[in-house]
Amino acid sequence: MSFPLFVARRYLLARRKQAFISVISLISVLGVALGVASLIVVLGVMNGFSEDLRSKILGVNAHVLVSSVGQGMEDYAAMGRKAAALPGVVGVTPFIYSEVMASTTQGVKGVVLRGIDPATAETVLSLSNSLEEGSLEALAAAEGPPRIIVGRELADRLGLRLNSLLNLLSPTGRTSAAGFTPKVSTFRVAGVFKTGLYEYDSSLAYVTMLAAQDLLGMKGDLATGLELKVADVERADKVADEVRAALGGFPLYVRNWKEMNANLFAALKLEKTAMAIILVMIVLVGSFSIITTLVMLVMEKTRDIAILRSMGASPAEIRNIFMLQGSIIGLVGTALGFVLGLAVCFLLKRYQFIELPHGVYSLDRLPVLLSWVDLVAIGISAFALCFLATLYPARQAARLNPAEALRHE
């Protein structure tokens, strides 16, 4: 054990005559620990919210979207095969997108209609995981009216249940001499899904590609575009660039999920950053307590410092004694904060004892997702603040003149 570490350890453990300084040291440790624990828990919960929201959005929407300007995409099958051959693409499915009017005896509601291919939709979307009633296979049933899958909020609004009948009106479903005229078709409910996101559950409905083409009056086998699923969602922008290069430019345009939801996730990231900055202030309070502890200790140990200097201790060794002492306090506080924060996160994840109000949030329990990057950043920043707090008191102790300190002894 080095000389500075030996003395720092003795000062920390032998405090029979320094009860007040010991209390301040304990407060410093607790301040750092509470700040670190708060950072771990809050950032873990916010990461959980972001991940839950992202998974729900990507369960309904594709990672990469290829759309066509104009009436539709004619050779979507060939383009789909070309896109599927690209590295990083794990699923491709065509889709039709339009807005129609849904009506029952219970009311009328505007609906976003999505025409999908049941055979390939599951390679891109996670619709089956969101189904509360019915099945995706029932969507392709040939007998009777064409089938439709609706969101839970939409079903409750229009009084729909499994096998209920629903009328859809398309403003441009028929072509006549006077132009486009509305067309009404009857659909049977084959399933009800719930994503937990009101915007989707209240206004989204799925039908087959053929049913959508017939309702919208499309001439020929057309699609609005292609939906792609990639192996790594964080590389969706890179894959989108490769798809754009492979399929060509105008009249096609390619977007990825980051572009389509940029404002939402930017707001979540900003909120996470703001919360982190606020909670770092708690660690800062603990680090100021370390300054107070060391300053008072330097004043208390003036004679000891002078004797050590007289016996040959260098200013650097004196400085290291108090820097080590403050660093030990910061290290213990950081370690205690990690233990406390990780324990709370484990309990939240395991037992989920905090319930959220139904209808307000997209989930009913606090989600927790710990990121090793966040944990490393929290540990480094907390210890760095504590270390910086030791510099001034240690510098003052190293500058102490032995003759001046012992003059009145």
Protein backbone atom coordinates (compact mmCIF):
# COMPACT_ATOMS: atom_id res chain seq x y z
CA MET A 1 0.00 0.00 0.00
CA SER A 2 1.41 3.40 -0.99
CA PHE A 3 2.00 6.11 1.62
CA PRO A 4 -0.78 8.49 0.36
CA LEU A 5 -3.31 5.63 0.19
CA PHE A 6 -2.34 4.43 3.68
CA VAL A 7 -2.87 7.87 5.22
CA ALA A 8 -6.11 8.47 3.27
CA ARG A 9 -7.46 5.14 4.48
CA ARG A 10 -6.57 5.96 8.10
CA TYR A 11 -8.28 9.36 7.84
CA LEU A 12 -11.44 7.72 6.52
CA LEU A 13 -11.62 4.93 9.10
CA ALA A 14 -10.21 6.55 12.26
CA ARG A 15 -12.76 9.27 13.00
CA ARG A 16 -13.42 9.00 16.71
CA LYS A 17 -12.81 12.74 17.24
CA GLN A 18 -14.34 13.88 13.96
CA ALA A 19 -17.97 12.76 14.18
CA PHE A 20 -19.22 15.88 12.40
CA ILE A 21 -16.88 15.38 9.44
CA SER A 22 -17.89 11.71 9.36
CA VAL A 23 -21.56 12.71 9.06
CA ILE A 24 -20.74 15.05 6.17
CA SER A 25 -18.76 12.25 4.48
CA LEU A 26 -21.77 9.93 4.85
CA ILE A 27 -24.04 12.60 3.38
CA SER A 28 -21.61 12.94 0.46
CA VAL A 29 -21.70 9.18 -0.18
CA LEU A 30 -25.51 9.10 0.01
CA GLY A 31 -25.83 12.15 -2.26
CA VAL A 32 -23.68 10.55 -4.93
CA ALA A 33 -25.45 7.19 -4.50
CA LEU A 34 -28.95 8.69 -4.82
CA GLY A 35 -27.94 10.68 -7.88
CA VAL A 36 -26.44 7.64 -9.61
CA ALA A 37 -29.40 5.43 -8.68
CA SER A 38 -31.86 8.04 -9.94
CA LEU A 39 -29.99 8.34 -13.23
CA ILE A 40 -29.97 4.57 -13.73
CA VAL A 41 -33.68 4.15 -12.97
CA VAL A 42 -34.93 7.15 -14.94
CA LEU A 43 -32.80 6.47 -18.02
CA GLY A 44 -33.76 2.78 -17.86
CA VAL A 45 -37.46 3.64 -17.78
CA MET A 46 -37.12 6.18 -20.60
CA ASN A 47 -35.19 3.65 -22.70
CA GLY A 48 -38.00 1.18 -22.02
CA PHE A 49 -40.63 3.68 -23.15
CA SER A 50 -38.71 4.45 -26.34
CA GLU A 51 -38.13 0.77 -27.14
CA ASP A 52 -41.78 -0.12 -26.46
CA LEU A 53 -42.99 2.73 -28.64
CA ARG A 54 -40.57 1.83 -31.41
CA SER A 55 -41.56 -1.83 -31.37
CA LYS A 56 -45.24 -0.95 -31.59
CA ILE A 57 -44.70 1.52 -34.42
CA LEU A 58 -42.52 -0.94 -36.33
CA GLY A 59 -45.08 -3.69 -35.70
CA VAL A 60 -47.57 -1.71 -37.79
CA ASN A 61 -45.19 0.03 -40.18
CA ALA A 62 -42.29 -1.27 -42.25
CA HIS A 63 -38.64 -0.44 -41.69
CA VAL A 64 -38.29 0.84 -45.25
CA LEU A 65 -41.09 2.06 -47.53
CA VAL A 66 -40.91 2.17 -51.34
CA SER A 67 -43.74 4.17 -52.89
CA SER A 68 -44.66 5.28 -56.39
CA VAL A 69 -45.78 8.72 -57.51
CA GLY A 70 -48.95 8.55 -59.55
CA GLN A 71 -51.65 5.91 -59.92
CA GLY A 72 -49.61 3.02 -58.56
CA MET A 73 -46.78 0.57 -59.09
CA GLU A 74 -47.36 -1.89 -61.92
CA ASP A 75 -44.28 -4.12 -61.75
CA TYR A 76 -44.20 -4.34 -57.95
CA ALA A 77 -43.57 -8.12 -57.99
CA ALA A 78 -40.34 -7.76 -59.98
CA MET A 79 -39.23 -4.82 -57.85
CA GLY A 80 -39.98 -6.82 -54.73
CA ARG A 81 -37.75 -9.68 -55.88
CA LYS A 82 -34.96 -7.21 -56.69
CA ALA A 83 -35.27 -5.55 -53.26
CA ALA A 84 -35.39 -8.92 -51.46
CA ALA A 85 -32.05 -9.89 -53.03
CA LEU A 86 -30.25 -6.95 -51.38
CA PRO A 87 -28.11 -7.64 -48.29
CA GLY A 88 -29.82 -6.70 -45.06
CA VAL A 89 -33.39 -7.09 -46.41
CA VAL A 90 -35.22 -9.99 -44.72
CA GLY A 91 -38.79 -9.41 -45.89
CA VAL A 92 -40.73 -7.67 -48.69
CA THR A 93 -44.48 -7.31 -49.14
CA PRO A 94 -46.64 -5.10 -51.40
CA PHE A 95 -49.30 -2.79 -50.00
CA ILE A 96 -52.12 -0.47 -51.01
CA TYR A 97 -52.83 2.68 -49.03
CA SER A 98 -55.97 4.79 -49.21
CA GLU A 99 -58.48 6.67 -47.08
CA VAL A 100 -62.12 5.56 -47.14
CA MET A 101 -65.30 6.00 -45.12
CA ALA A 102 -66.53 3.19 -42.85
CA SER A 103 -70.15 3.00 -41.75
CA THR A 104 -72.42 0.76 -39.67
CA THR A 105 -75.72 1.29 -37.91
CA GLN A 106 -73.67 2.67 -35.00
CA GLY A 107 -72.04 5.51 -36.92
CA VAL A 108 -69.59 6.68 -39.56
CA LYS A 109 -65.79 6.97 -39.31
CA GLY A 110 -62.94 7.88 -41.64
CA VAL A 111 -60.55 4.95 -42.01
CA VAL A 112 -57.01 4.45 -43.33
CA LEU A 113 -57.31 1.35 -45.50
CA ARG A 114 -54.28 -0.89 -45.97
CA GLY A 115 -54.39 -3.56 -48.66
CA ILE A 116 -51.89 -6.34 -47.82
CA ASP A 117 -50.84 -9.72 -49.13
CA PRO A 118 -51.62 -12.22 -46.31
CA ALA A 119 -49.01 -14.63 -47.68
CA THR A 120 -46.07 -12.22 -47.27
CA ALA A 121 -47.33 -9.59 -44.81
CA GLU A 122 -46.02 -11.46 -41.77
CA THR A 123 -42.47 -11.33 -43.13
CA VAL A 124 -42.56 -7.55 -42.63
CA LEU A 125 -45.34 -6.68 -40.16
CA SER A 126 -46.18 -8.12 -36.74
CA LEU A 127 -49.94 -8.01 -37.21
CA SER A 128 -50.57 -11.49 -35.77
CA ASN A 129 -48.97 -10.47 -32.47
CA SER A 130 -51.49 -7.62 -32.12
CA LEU A 131 -54.62 -9.64 -32.94
CA GLU A 132 -57.09 -9.98 -30.10
CA GLU A 133 -59.70 -11.84 -32.17
CA GLY A 134 -59.64 -13.67 -35.48
CA SER A 135 -56.60 -14.51 -37.58
CA LEU A 136 -54.63 -13.19 -40.52
CA GLU A 137 -55.41 -16.35 -42.53
CA ALA A 138 -59.16 -15.60 -42.31
CA LEU A 139 -58.51 -12.38 -44.23
CA ALA A 140 -58.07 -14.36 -47.45
CA ALA A 141 -61.30 -16.38 -47.14
CA ALA A 142 -62.98 -16.71 -50.54
CA GLU A 143 -66.61 -17.35 -49.59
CA GLY A 144 -69.02 -14.55 -48.81
CA PRO A 145 -68.15 -10.84 -48.53
CA PRO A 146 -64.45 -9.84 -48.52
CA ARG A 147 -62.85 -9.84 -45.06
CA ILE A 148 -61.41 -6.95 -43.04
CA ILE A 149 -59.33 -6.60 -39.86
CA VAL A 150 -59.99 -3.48 -37.78
CA GLY A 151 -58.46 -1.80 -34.73
CA ARG A 152 -60.00 -2.22 -31.28
CA GLU A 153 -60.92 1.47 -30.88
CA LEU A 154 -62.50 1.52 -34.33
CA ALA A 155 -64.45 -1.65 -33.56
CA ASP A 156 -65.77 -0.19 -30.31
CA ARG A 157 -66.66 3.08 -32.03
CA LEU A 158 -68.71 1.35 -34.77
CA GLY A 159 -70.02 -1.51 -32.62
CA LEU A 160 -68.11 -4.19 -34.52
CA ARG A 161 -67.42 -7.73 -33.39
CA LEU A 162 -66.03 -10.80 -35.11
CA ASN A 163 -68.12 -11.61 -38.25
CA SER A 164 -69.92 -8.24 -38.10
CA LEU A 165 -70.66 -6.51 -41.42
CA LEU A 166 -69.10 -3.17 -42.29
CA ASN A 167 -69.65 -0.87 -45.30
CA LEU A 168 -66.68 0.92 -46.86
CA LEU A 169 -67.17 3.85 -49.22
CA SER A 170 -64.46 4.86 -51.67
CA PRO A 171 -64.85 8.32 -53.27
CA THR A 172 -63.07 7.16 -56.43
CA GLY A 173 -64.26 3.57 -56.68
CA ARG A 174 -66.07 3.83 -60.03
CA THR A 175 -65.20 5.50 -63.30
CA SER A 176 -67.96 7.01 -65.41
CA ALA A 177 -68.34 9.55 -68.17
CA ALA A 178 -68.67 12.25 -65.53
CA GLY A 179 -65.44 11.13 -63.84
CA PHE A 180 -65.01 9.24 -60.57
CA THR A 181 -68.09 8.26 -58.58
CA PRO A 182 -68.24 6.71 -55.09
CA LYS A 183 -68.41 2.97 -54.59
CA VAL A 184 -69.70 1.10 -51.54
CA SER A 185 -68.64 -2.44 -50.64
CA THR A 186 -69.63 -4.65 -47.72
CA PHE A 187 -66.92 -6.38 -45.67
CA ARG A 188 -67.06 -8.98 -42.91
CA VAL A 189 -64.86 -8.50 -39.83
CA ALA A 190 -62.25 -11.29 -39.73
CA GLY A 191 -60.19 -9.95 -36.84
CA VAL A 192 -59.66 -7.17 -34.31
CA PHE A 193 -56.16 -5.96 -33.38
CA LYS A 194 -54.84 -3.74 -30.61
CA THR A 195 -51.41 -2.12 -30.76
CA GLY A 196 -51.85 0.14 -27.72
CA LEU A 197 -51.41 3.23 -29.91
CA TYR A 198 -54.71 5.08 -30.26
CA GLU A 199 -53.83 6.61 -33.64
CA TYR A 200 -53.60 3.14 -35.19
CA ASP A 201 -56.29 1.36 -33.20
CA SER A 202 -58.91 4.00 -34.00
CA SER A 203 -58.35 4.54 -37.72
CA LEU A 204 -56.56 1.60 -39.34
CA ALA A 205 -58.06 -1.38 -41.19
CA TYR A 206 -56.55 -4.19 -43.27
CA VAL A 207 -58.02 -5.95 -46.33
CA THR A 208 -56.47 -8.10 -49.05
CA MET A 209 -54.80 -6.55 -52.08
CA LEU A 210 -57.59 -7.79 -54.39
CA ALA A 211 -60.34 -6.37 -52.17
CA ALA A 212 -58.55 -3.00 -51.99
CA GLN A 213 -58.01 -2.89 -55.76
CA ASP A 214 -61.70 -3.63 -56.35
CA LEU A 215 -62.95 -1.08 -53.82
CA LEU A 216 -60.64 1.68 -55.07
CA GLY A 217 -61.35 0.96 -58.74
CA MET A 218 -57.74 0.26 -59.67
CA LYS A 219 -57.25 -0.81 -63.26
CA GLY A 220 -55.01 -3.84 -63.33
CA ASP A 221 -52.74 -5.39 -60.73
CA LEU A 222 -51.40 -2.25 -59.04
CA ALA A 223 -49.88 -1.52 -55.65
CA THR A 224 -49.15 1.71 -53.83
CA GLY A 225 -45.67 0.44 -53.02
CA LEU A 226 -43.50 -2.06 -51.17
CA GLU A 227 -42.81 -2.50 -47.46
CA LEU A 228 -39.42 -3.88 -46.45
CA LYS A 229 -38.10 -5.36 -43.22
CA VAL A 230 -34.38 -5.16 -42.52
CA ALA A 231 -32.19 -7.29 -40.27
CA ASP A 232 -30.88 -4.32 -38.24
CA VAL A 233 -33.39 -1.52 -37.66
CA GLU A 234 -30.59 0.91 -36.81
CA ARG A 235 -29.19 0.45 -40.34
CA ALA A 236 -32.54 1.07 -42.03
CA ASP A 237 -31.30 4.36 -43.50
CA LYS A 238 -28.26 2.64 -45.06
CA VAL A 239 -30.43 -0.14 -46.51
CA ALA A 240 -32.86 2.49 -47.84
CA ASP A 241 -30.01 4.10 -49.78
CA GLU A 242 -29.10 0.73 -51.28
CA VAL A 243 -32.73 0.07 -52.23
CA ARG A 244 -32.95 3.49 -53.83
CA ALA A 245 -29.84 2.80 -55.89
CA ALA A 246 -31.07 -0.65 -56.96
CA LEU A 247 -34.64 0.31 -57.91
CA GLY A 248 -33.92 3.74 -59.36
CA GLY A 249 -35.22 7.20 -58.58
CA PHE A 250 -38.32 9.04 -59.76
CA PRO A 251 -41.21 8.07 -59.89
CA LEU A 252 -40.17 5.90 -56.93
CA TYR A 253 -39.24 7.39 -53.57
CA VAL A 254 -37.79 5.49 -50.61
CA ARG A 255 -38.19 6.37 -46.94
CA ASN A 256 -37.11 4.65 -43.73
CA TRP A 257 -38.75 4.53 -40.33
CA LYS A 258 -36.31 7.07 -38.87
CA GLU A 259 -37.37 9.69 -41.42
CA MET A 260 -41.08 8.98 -40.99
CA ASN A 261 -40.93 9.23 -37.18
CA ALA A 262 -38.05 11.70 -36.84
CA ASN A 263 -39.95 14.32 -34.78
CA LEU A 264 -41.31 11.79 -32.29
CA PHE A 265 -38.01 10.07 -31.52
CA ALA A 266 -36.13 13.38 -31.53
CA ALA A 267 -38.53 14.63 -28.84
CA LEU A 268 -37.99 11.46 -26.78
CA LYS A 269 -34.21 11.81 -27.09
CA LEU A 270 -34.38 15.47 -26.03
CA GLU A 271 -36.52 14.58 -23.03
CA LYS A 272 -34.09 11.84 -22.03
CA THR A 273 -31.16 14.26 -22.28
CA ALA A 274 -32.98 16.91 -20.24
CA MET A 275 -33.83 14.41 -17.49
CA ALA A 276 -30.22 13.21 -17.39
CA ILE A 277 -28.93 16.78 -16.98
CA ILE A 278 -31.40 17.47 -14.18
CA LEU A 279 -30.50 14.29 -12.31
CA VAL A 280 -26.76 14.91 -12.69
CA MET A 281 -27.38 17.92 -10.44
CA ILE A 282 -28.02 15.46 -7.58
CA VAL A 283 -24.57 13.97 -8.14
CA LEU A 284 -23.21 17.52 -8.28
CA VAL A 285 -24.69 18.21 -4.84
CA GLY A 286 -22.92 15.12 -3.53
CA SER A 287 -19.64 16.26 -5.07
CA PHE A 288 -19.97 19.68 -3.36
CA SER A 289 -20.42 17.81 -0.09
CA ILE A 290 -17.09 16.11 -0.82
CA ILE A 291 -15.48 19.55 -1.17
CA THR A 292 -16.95 20.56 2.20
CA THR A 293 -15.70 17.34 3.81
CA LEU A 294 -12.17 17.73 2.51
CA VAL A 295 -11.90 21.43 3.31
CA MET A 296 -12.96 20.79 6.89
CA LEU A 297 -10.59 17.84 7.09
CA VAL A 298 -7.68 19.95 5.83
CA MET A 299 -8.46 22.53 8.52
CA GLU A 300 -8.67 19.77 11.15
CA LYS A 301 -5.46 18.07 10.01
CA THR A 302 -3.30 21.18 9.61
CA ARG A 303 -0.85 19.99 12.29
CA ASP A 304 -0.70 16.49 10.80
CA ILE A 305 0.06 17.90 7.37
CA ALA A 306 2.81 20.12 8.78
CA ILE A 307 4.39 17.18 10.62
CA LEU A 308 4.25 15.01 7.49
CA ARG A 309 5.88 17.78 5.46
CA SER A 310 8.58 18.18 8.13
CA MET A 311 9.26 14.44 8.02
CA GLY A 312 9.91 14.60 4.28
CA ALA A 313 6.49 14.15 2.62
CA SER A 314 6.36 16.02 -0.69
CA PRO A 315 3.54 18.41 -1.67
CA ALA A 316 2.47 15.88 -4.33
CA GLU A 317 2.07 13.16 -1.67
CA ILE A 318 0.02 15.48 0.54
CA ARG A 319 -2.14 16.39 -2.46
CA ASN A 320 -2.60 12.71 -3.32
CA ILE A 321 -3.74 11.89 0.22
CA PHE A 322 -6.79 14.15 -0.02
CA MET A 323 -7.45 13.38 -3.68
CA LEU A 324 -7.52 9.67 -2.83
CA GLN A 325 -9.77 10.29 0.14
CA GLY A 326 -12.32 12.21 -1.96
CA SER A 327 -12.03 9.67 -4.77
CA ILE A 328 -12.75 6.81 -2.36
CA ILE A 329 -15.88 8.63 -1.16
CA GLY A 330 -16.97 9.15 -4.77
CA LEU A 331 -16.19 5.54 -5.71
CA VAL A 332 -18.14 4.14 -2.78
CA GLY A 333 -21.08 6.44 -3.53
CA THR A 334 -21.06 5.50 -7.22
CA ALA A 335 -20.87 1.78 -6.42
CA LEU A 336 -23.66 2.06 -3.86
CA GLY A 337 -25.75 3.99 -6.40
CA PHE A 338 -25.24 1.26 -9.00
CA VAL A 339 -26.33 -1.41 -6.53
CA LEU A 340 -29.43 0.58 -5.53
CA GLY A 341 -30.34 1.63 -9.09
CA LEU A 342 -29.90 -1.83 -10.60
CA ALA A 343 -31.90 -3.38 -7.74
CA VAL A 344 -34.81 -0.98 -8.32
CA CYS A 345 -34.71 -1.65 -12.07
CA PHE A 346 -34.72 -5.40 -11.45
CA LEU A 347 -37.71 -5.12 -9.10
CA LEU A 348 -39.61 -2.92 -11.58
CA LYS A 349 -38.92 -5.33 -14.41
CA ARG A 350 -39.61 -8.48 -12.41
CA TYR A 351 -42.68 -7.53 -10.37
CA GLN A 352 -44.07 -4.51 -12.30
CA PHE A 353 -45.64 -3.07 -9.16
CA ILE A 354 -46.15 0.45 -10.59
CA GLU A 355 -49.34 0.62 -12.68
CA LEU A 356 -50.00 3.34 -15.24
CA PRO A 357 -53.46 4.83 -15.91
CA HIS A 358 -55.35 2.98 -18.61
CA GLY A 359 -56.13 5.04 -21.70
CA VAL A 360 -53.38 7.58 -20.99
CA TYR A 361 -50.28 5.62 -21.97
CA SER A 362 -49.71 2.92 -24.57
CA LEU A 363 -48.83 0.41 -21.82
CA ASP A 364 -49.99 -0.33 -18.29
CA ARG A 365 -46.64 -0.94 -16.55
CA LEU A 366 -43.34 0.89 -16.36
CA PRO A 367 -40.97 -0.66 -18.91
CA VAL A 368 -37.27 -0.91 -18.06
CA LEU A 369 -34.43 -1.29 -20.54
CA LEU A 370 -30.86 -0.87 -19.33
CA SER A 371 -28.21 0.15 -21.83
CA TRP A 372 -24.57 -0.59 -21.09
CA VAL A 373 -23.63 2.66 -22.85
CA ASP A 374 -25.79 4.62 -20.41
CA LEU A 375 -24.42 2.69 -17.43
CA VAL A 376 -20.82 3.36 -18.45
CA ALA A 377 -21.57 7.05 -19.06
CA ILE A 378 -23.28 7.35 -15.65
CA GLY A 379 -20.36 5.70 -13.86
CA ILE A 380 -17.70 7.78 -15.59
CA SER A 381 -19.55 11.10 -15.20
CA ALA A 382 -20.36 10.51 -11.51
CA PHE A 383 -16.79 9.54 -10.61
CA ALA A 384 -15.40 12.40 -12.71
CA LEU A 385 -17.52 14.95 -10.81
CA CYS A 386 -16.37 13.49 -7.50
CA PHE A 387 -12.73 13.54 -8.60
CA LEU A 388 -12.96 17.16 -9.73
CA ALA A 389 -14.38 18.04 -6.33
CA THR A 390 -11.13 16.86 -4.68
CA LEU A 391 -8.80 19.14 -6.64
CA TYR A 392 -9.25 22.41 -4.73
CA PRO A 393 -9.01 21.03 -1.16
CA ALA A 394 -6.07 18.80 -2.13
CA ARG A 395 -4.27 21.74 -3.75
CA GLN A 396 -4.76 23.87 -0.64
CA ALA A 397 -3.41 21.08 1.56
CA ALA A 398 -0.32 20.68 -0.65
CA ARG A 399 0.41 24.43 -0.46
CA LEU A 400 0.39 24.47 3.34
CA ASN A 401 3.62 25.88 4.83
CA PRO A 402 4.84 23.66 7.74
CA ALA A 403 6.39 26.60 9.62
CA GLU A 404 3.18 28.64 9.46
CA ALA A 405 1.07 25.65 10.48
CA LEU A 406 3.23 24.83 13.54
CA ARG A 407 3.84 28.44 14.67
CA HIS A 408 0.97 28.43 17.15
CA GLU A 409 1.29 24.80 18.26
